[in-house]
């Protein structure tokens, strides 16, 4: 019924703040049992705000030719959102824009 990724997210969300870590090398949320396996990797703590906007945790894909992406700044994203909402649009498909 649920995917493994979603179940991982649910477990991660229920952890105490000091146990919430993200492995920047592997690009995954770490559960406490996995912390030692990633000790040589670059890890960071995760805030509630980052969990609400997970694309802020992820780094862009490196191959620009086949993985074209544009990461909007917060200011740009708010401008687009306000403009589209002001025009009455309720649904927008963003291709190549994870934020």
C-alpha atoms as a PDB file:
ATOM      1  CA  UNK A   1       0.000   0.000   0.000  1.00  0.00           C
ATOM      2  CA  UNK A   2       2.700   2.515   0.993  1.00  0.00           C
ATOM      3  CA  UNK A   3       6.066   2.788  -0.703  1.00  0.00           C
ATOM      4  CA  UNK A   4       9.278   2.155   1.188  1.00  0.00           C
ATOM      5  CA  UNK A   5      10.209   5.816   0.746  1.00  0.00           C
ATOM      6  CA  UNK A   6       6.966   6.996   2.333  1.00  0.00           C
ATOM      7  CA  UNK A   7       7.333   4.565   5.238  1.00  0.00           C
ATOM      8  CA  UNK A   8      10.904   5.818   5.765  1.00  0.00           C
ATOM      9  CA  UNK A   9       9.592   9.384   5.801  1.00  0.00           C
ATOM     10  CA  UNK A  10       6.940   8.515   8.395  1.00  0.00           C
ATOM     11  CA  UNK A  11       9.539   6.873  10.662  1.00  0.00           C
ATOM     12  CA  UNK A  12      11.913   9.799  10.156  1.00  0.00           C
ATOM     13  CA  UNK A  13       9.200  12.371  10.923  1.00  0.00           C
ATOM     14  CA  UNK A  14       8.467  10.758  14.273  1.00  0.00           C
ATOM     15  CA  UNK A  15      12.122  10.947  15.430  1.00  0.00           C
ATOM     16  CA  UNK A  16      13.293  13.501  18.005  1.00  0.00           C
ATOM     17  CA  UNK A  17      14.853  16.594  16.431  1.00  0.00           C
ATOM     18  CA  UNK A  18      18.426  15.650  17.423  1.00  0.00           C
ATOM     19  CA  UNK A  19      18.184  12.289  15.586  1.00  0.00           C
ATOM     20  CA  UNK A  20      16.978  13.704  12.249  1.00  0.00           C
ATOM     21  CA  UNK A  21      19.909  13.580   9.838  1.00  0.00           C
ATOM     22  CA  UNK A  22      20.241  13.790   6.064  1.00  0.00           C
ATOM     23  CA  UNK A  23      23.143  12.199   4.169  1.00  0.00           C
ATOM     24  CA  UNK A  24      24.215  14.675   1.492  1.00  0.00           C
ATOM     25  CA  UNK A  25      26.354  12.045  -0.252  1.00  0.00           C
ATOM     26  CA  UNK A  26      23.549   9.492  -0.615  1.00  0.00           C
ATOM     27  CA  UNK A  27      20.689  12.022  -0.714  1.00  0.00           C
ATOM     28  CA  UNK A  28      18.568  10.119   1.835  1.00  0.00           C
ATOM     29  CA  UNK A  29      16.987  10.719   5.215  1.00  0.00           C
ATOM     30  CA  UNK A  30      18.876   8.646   7.770  1.00  0.00           C
ATOM     31  CA  UNK A  31      17.233   6.537  10.421  1.00  0.00           C
ATOM     32  CA  UNK A  32      19.184   6.199  13.696  1.00  0.00           C
ATOM     33  CA  UNK A  33      20.397   2.667  12.897  1.00  0.00           C
ATOM     34  CA  UNK A  34      22.023   4.024   9.720  1.00  0.00           C
ATOM     35  CA  UNK A  35      23.970   6.920  11.279  1.00  0.00           C
ATOM     36  CA  UNK A  36      27.151   4.911  11.857  1.00  0.00           C
ATOM     37  CA  UNK A  37      27.145   3.507   8.304  1.00  0.00           C
ATOM     38  CA  UNK A  38      27.172   7.087   7.000  1.00  0.00           C
ATOM     39  CA  UNK A  39      29.663   8.500   9.525  1.00  0.00           C
ATOM     40  CA  UNK A  40      32.281   9.116   6.809  1.00  0.00           C
ATOM     41  CA  UNK A  41      29.711  10.945   4.672  1.00  0.00           C
ATOM     42  CA  UNK A  42      28.637  14.554   4.878  1.00  0.00           C
ATOM     43  CA  UNK A  43      25.480  14.642   7.012  1.00  0.00           C
ATOM     44  CA  UNK A  44      23.365  17.530   8.250  1.00  0.00           C
ATOM     45  CA  UNK A  45      20.549  17.966  10.715  1.00  0.00           C
ATOM     46  CA  UNK A  46      17.059  18.370   9.300  1.00  0.00           C
ATOM     47  CA  UNK A  47      14.555  21.000  10.400  1.00  0.00           C
ATOM     48  CA  UNK A  48      10.767  20.889  10.224  1.00  0.00           C
ATOM     49  CA  UNK A  49      10.892  23.642   7.574  1.00  0.00           C
ATOM     50  CA  UNK A  50      13.164  21.485   5.402  1.00  0.00           C
ATOM     51  CA  UNK A  51      10.807  18.519   5.732  1.00  0.00           C
ATOM     52  CA  UNK A  52       7.967  20.729   4.523  1.00  0.00           C
ATOM     53  CA  UNK A  53      10.045  21.683   1.461  1.00  0.00           C
ATOM     54  CA  UNK A  54      12.273  18.656   0.832  1.00  0.00           C
ATOM     55  CA  UNK A  55      13.709  20.044  -2.405  1.00  0.00           C
ATOM     56  CA  UNK A  56      15.787  22.384  -0.234  1.00  0.00           C
ATOM     57  CA  UNK A  57      17.677  19.329   1.016  1.00  0.00           C
ATOM     58  CA  UNK A  58      18.366  17.793  -2.377  1.00  0.00           C
ATOM     59  CA  UNK A  59      21.229  18.937  -4.537  1.00  0.00           C
ATOM     60  CA  UNK A  60      20.621  19.404  -8.256  1.00  0.00           C
ATOM     61  CA  UNK A  61      21.542  16.594 -10.605  1.00  0.00           C
ATOM     62  CA  UNK A  62      24.960  17.178 -12.149  1.00  0.00           C
ATOM     63  CA  UNK A  63      24.431  16.296 -15.808  1.00  0.00           C
ATOM     64  CA  UNK A  64      22.919  19.525 -17.141  1.00  0.00           C
ATOM     65  CA  UNK A  65      22.383  18.199 -20.676  1.00  0.00           C
ATOM     66  CA  UNK A  66      20.015  15.359 -19.845  1.00  0.00           C
ATOM     67  CA  UNK A  67      18.866  16.482 -16.378  1.00  0.00           C
ATOM     68  CA  UNK A  68      18.022  20.118 -17.057  1.00  0.00           C
ATOM     69  CA  UNK A  69      16.767  21.684 -13.831  1.00  0.00           C
ATOM     70  CA  UNK A  70      16.085  25.151 -12.565  1.00  0.00           C
ATOM     71  CA  UNK A  71      15.977  25.719  -8.823  1.00  0.00           C
ATOM     72  CA  UNK A  72      13.956  28.863  -8.175  1.00  0.00           C
ATOM     73  CA  UNK A  73      14.944  31.114  -5.291  1.00  0.00           C
ATOM     74  CA  UNK A  74      12.233  31.667  -2.688  1.00  0.00           C
ATOM     75  CA  UNK A  75      11.678  35.164  -4.088  1.00  0.00           C
ATOM     76  CA  UNK A  76      11.193  33.857  -7.641  1.00  0.00           C
ATOM     77  CA  UNK A  77       8.935  31.020  -6.523  1.00  0.00           C
ATOM     78  CA  UNK A  78       6.723  33.412  -4.534  1.00  0.00           C
ATOM     79  CA  UNK A  79       6.532  35.800  -7.491  1.00  0.00           C
ATOM     80  CA  UNK A  80       5.446  32.995  -9.826  1.00  0.00           C
ATOM     81  CA  UNK A  81       2.971  31.629  -7.301  1.00  0.00           C
ATOM     82  CA  UNK A  82       1.420  35.052  -6.658  1.00  0.00           C
ATOM     83  CA  UNK A  83       1.247  35.838 -10.376  1.00  0.00           C
ATOM     84  CA  UNK A  84      -0.341  32.522 -11.330  1.00  0.00           C
ATOM     85  CA  UNK A  85      -2.806  32.670  -8.422  1.00  0.00           C
ATOM     86  CA  UNK A  86      -3.674  36.243  -9.386  1.00  0.00           C
ATOM     87  CA  UNK A  87      -4.469  35.048 -12.915  1.00  0.00           C
ATOM     88  CA  UNK A  88      -6.787  32.397 -11.477  1.00  0.00           C
ATOM     89  CA  UNK A  89      -4.689  29.334 -12.229  1.00  0.00           C
ATOM     90  CA  UNK A  90      -5.154  26.516  -9.746  1.00  0.00           C
ATOM     91  CA  UNK A  91      -2.943  23.835 -11.299  1.00  0.00           C
ATOM     92  CA  UNK A  92       0.473  24.222 -12.922  1.00  0.00           C
ATOM     93  CA  UNK A  93       2.814  21.587 -14.306  1.00  0.00           C
ATOM     94  CA  UNK A  94       6.456  22.493 -13.719  1.00  0.00           C
ATOM     95  CA  UNK A  95       8.899  20.418 -15.769  1.00  0.00           C
ATOM     96  CA  UNK A  96      12.538  20.582 -14.728  1.00  0.00           C
ATOM     97  CA  UNK A  97      11.751  22.762 -11.720  1.00  0.00           C
ATOM     98  CA  UNK A  98      11.891  20.766  -8.492  1.00  0.00           C
ATOM     99  CA  UNK A  99      11.183  23.872  -6.396  1.00  0.00           C
END
